[in-house]
Amino acid sequence: MNAGAFVKTLVAYVLSVAATYVLSVGFYTQQVIAKMAAVGAEYTAQQQIDTFLKNLTGLWILGAMTAIALLIGFVAAFLVKHFLKPLAPIAYPAAGAAAMLVMLVLIEQQLGGGAGIVGGARDATGLALQALAGLIGGAVFAFMRPR
């Protein structure tokens, strides 16, 4: 791989991580707010925005784990897509979605003990939204990377 292709791949990866993280935090925030609203809490639009922004900066460790998970997922997709050629067009989006789900399961197994440690991913909807964030991040990588 030449230097130009490496830089383009790195930029694609960084944009993918950023997209996945912003969407993940957005989905996480809205899931938690929705669950709070279900028990009577009220949030103004400004409070929702403020909560998202605080989560965006405060959940940086989740961002770091997302970066690692996507890196592992994209390397696996790169290797697998050569053997499963018909699936090559969806390799990176599928890897992004899988990476998010595996990361959340591992976090839960190591830290949660069944308590649903990641509040915005405690149910099927929350997990699906986190996978969607990874899928979109994977699509960003697939679109932006050099061919």
Protein backbone atom coordinates (compact mmCIF):
# COMPACT_ATOMS: atom_id res chain seq x y z
CA MET A 1 0.00 0.00 0.00
CA ASN A 2 1.44 3.35 -0.98
CA ALA A 3 1.49 6.37 1.35
CA GLY A 4 -1.46 8.07 -0.37
CA ALA A 5 -3.65 4.99 -0.04
CA PHE A 6 -2.60 4.58 3.59
CA VAL A 7 -3.55 8.17 4.41
CA LYS A 8 -6.91 7.79 2.62
CA THR A 9 -7.59 4.57 4.51
CA LEU A 10 -6.68 6.25 7.80
CA VAL A 11 -8.97 9.22 7.05
CA ALA A 12 -11.79 6.81 6.12
CA TYR A 13 -11.27 4.96 9.40
CA VAL A 14 -11.26 8.15 11.50
CA LEU A 15 -14.43 9.40 9.79
CA SER A 16 -16.02 6.00 10.31
CA VAL A 17 -15.18 6.01 14.02
CA ALA A 18 -16.48 9.58 14.37
CA ALA A 19 -19.75 8.77 12.61
CA THR A 20 -20.25 5.59 14.63
CA TYR A 21 -19.45 7.29 17.93
CA VAL A 22 -21.69 10.33 17.34
CA LEU A 23 -24.60 8.11 16.28
CA SER A 24 -23.97 5.67 19.11
CA VAL A 25 -23.99 8.43 21.70
CA GLY A 26 -27.06 10.03 20.12
CA PHE A 27 -28.96 6.75 20.19
CA TYR A 28 -27.72 6.01 23.71
CA THR A 29 -28.82 9.43 24.96
CA GLN A 30 -32.27 9.25 23.41
CA GLN A 31 -32.84 5.71 24.68
CA VAL A 32 -32.03 6.75 28.25
CA ILE A 33 -34.16 9.90 28.00
CA ALA A 34 -37.07 7.89 26.59
CA LYS A 35 -36.86 5.42 29.47
CA MET A 36 -36.76 8.28 31.97
CA ALA A 37 -39.76 9.90 30.28
CA ALA A 38 -41.64 6.61 30.57
CA VAL A 39 -41.46 6.94 34.35
CA GLY A 40 -42.49 10.59 34.38
CA ALA A 41 -39.28 12.58 33.89
CA GLU A 42 -39.57 15.59 31.62
CA TYR A 43 -36.74 16.92 29.48
CA THR A 44 -36.84 20.12 27.50
CA ALA A 45 -35.27 20.18 24.05
CA GLN A 46 -32.35 22.15 25.49
CA GLN A 47 -31.84 19.57 28.26
CA GLN A 48 -31.81 16.82 25.65
CA ILE A 49 -29.17 18.67 23.62
CA ASP A 50 -27.11 19.40 26.73
CA THR A 51 -27.33 15.74 27.79
CA PHE A 52 -26.18 14.60 24.35
CA LEU A 53 -23.23 17.00 24.40
CA LYS A 54 -22.21 15.92 27.91
CA ASN A 55 -22.46 12.28 26.88
CA LEU A 56 -20.45 12.99 23.72
CA THR A 57 -17.55 14.29 25.80
CA GLY A 58 -18.11 12.13 28.87
CA LEU A 59 -18.33 8.75 27.16
CA TRP A 60 -14.91 9.05 25.56
CA ILE A 61 -13.92 5.60 26.83
CA LEU A 62 -16.82 4.19 24.81
CA GLY A 63 -15.37 6.07 21.83
CA ALA A 64 -11.98 4.47 22.39
CA MET A 65 -13.55 1.02 22.64
CA THR A 66 -15.58 1.74 19.50
CA ALA A 67 -12.37 2.64 17.65
CA ILE A 68 -10.76 -0.63 18.70
CA ALA A 69 -13.86 -2.69 17.88
CA LEU A 70 -14.17 -1.13 14.42
CA LEU A 71 -10.48 -1.65 13.70
CA ILE A 72 -10.78 -5.34 14.53
CA GLY A 73 -14.02 -5.62 12.57
CA PHE A 74 -12.65 -3.88 9.47
CA VAL A 75 -9.49 -6.01 9.45
CA ALA A 76 -11.66 -9.13 9.69
CA ALA A 77 -13.92 -7.83 6.90
CA PHE A 78 -10.88 -7.12 4.71
CA LEU A 79 -9.73 -10.71 5.12
CA VAL A 80 -13.15 -12.36 4.80
CA LYS A 81 -14.39 -10.42 1.78
CA HIS A 82 -11.72 -12.00 -0.40
CA PHE A 83 -13.14 -15.46 0.32
CA LEU A 84 -16.82 -14.51 0.18
CA LYS A 85 -16.80 -12.34 -2.93
CA PRO A 86 -20.61 -11.97 -3.22
CA LEU A 87 -20.66 -10.42 0.26
CA ALA A 88 -17.79 -8.01 -0.41
CA PRO A 89 -20.05 -4.95 -0.98
CA ILE A 90 -21.54 -5.28 2.50
CA ALA A 91 -18.43 -6.50 4.32
CA TYR A 92 -17.55 -3.24 6.07
CA PRO A 93 -21.09 -2.21 7.06
CA ALA A 94 -21.74 -5.73 8.40
CA ALA A 95 -18.41 -5.66 10.24
CA GLY A 96 -19.28 -2.29 11.80
CA ALA A 97 -22.63 -3.57 13.05
CA ALA A 98 -21.10 -6.79 14.36
CA ALA A 99 -18.24 -4.91 16.02
CA MET A 100 -20.67 -2.77 18.01
CA LEU A 101 -22.70 -5.77 19.13
CA VAL A 102 -19.65 -7.80 20.11
CA MET A 103 -18.19 -4.82 21.97
CA LEU A 104 -21.41 -4.33 23.95
CA VAL A 105 -21.70 -8.03 24.78
CA LEU A 106 -18.08 -8.09 25.97
CA ILE A 107 -18.60 -4.97 28.09
CA GLU A 108 -21.67 -6.56 29.64
CA GLN A 109 -19.89 -9.85 30.28
CA GLN A 110 -16.86 -8.20 31.88
CA LEU A 111 -18.52 -5.39 33.81
CA GLY A 112 -22.27 -5.74 33.91
CA GLY A 113 -23.09 -9.08 35.40
CA GLY A 114 -26.56 -8.90 33.83
CA ALA A 115 -27.31 -5.33 34.91
CA GLY A 116 -27.19 -3.79 31.43
CA ILE A 117 -24.14 -1.63 32.06
CA VAL A 118 -24.61 0.43 28.87
CA GLY A 119 -27.92 2.13 29.60
CA GLY A 120 -28.89 2.91 26.03
CA ALA A 121 -28.41 -0.71 24.95
CA ARG A 122 -30.32 -2.61 27.60
CA ASP A 123 -33.05 -3.86 25.30
CA ALA A 124 -33.43 -5.10 21.74
CA THR A 125 -34.19 -1.62 20.42
CA GLY A 126 -31.10 -0.14 22.05
CA LEU A 127 -28.89 -2.94 20.74
CA ALA A 128 -30.37 -2.57 17.26
CA LEU A 129 -29.68 1.16 17.31
CA GLN A 130 -26.09 0.57 18.37
CA ALA A 131 -25.70 -1.96 15.55
CA LEU A 132 -27.19 0.62 13.17
CA ALA A 133 -24.56 3.12 14.31
CA GLY A 134 -21.87 0.55 13.47
CA LEU A 135 -23.48 -0.31 10.16
CA ILE A 136 -23.51 3.36 9.14
CA GLY A 137 -19.92 3.77 10.32
CA GLY A 138 -18.96 0.74 8.26
CA ALA A 139 -20.72 2.22 5.24
CA VAL A 140 -18.75 5.45 5.73
CA PHE A 141 -15.53 3.44 5.74
CA ALA A 142 -16.56 1.42 2.66
CA PHE A 143 -17.45 4.59 0.76
CA MET A 144 -14.41 6.66 1.78
CA ARG A 145 -11.62 4.08 1.60
CA PRO A 146 -9.43 3.80 -1.49
CA ARG A 147 -10.35 1.07 -3.95
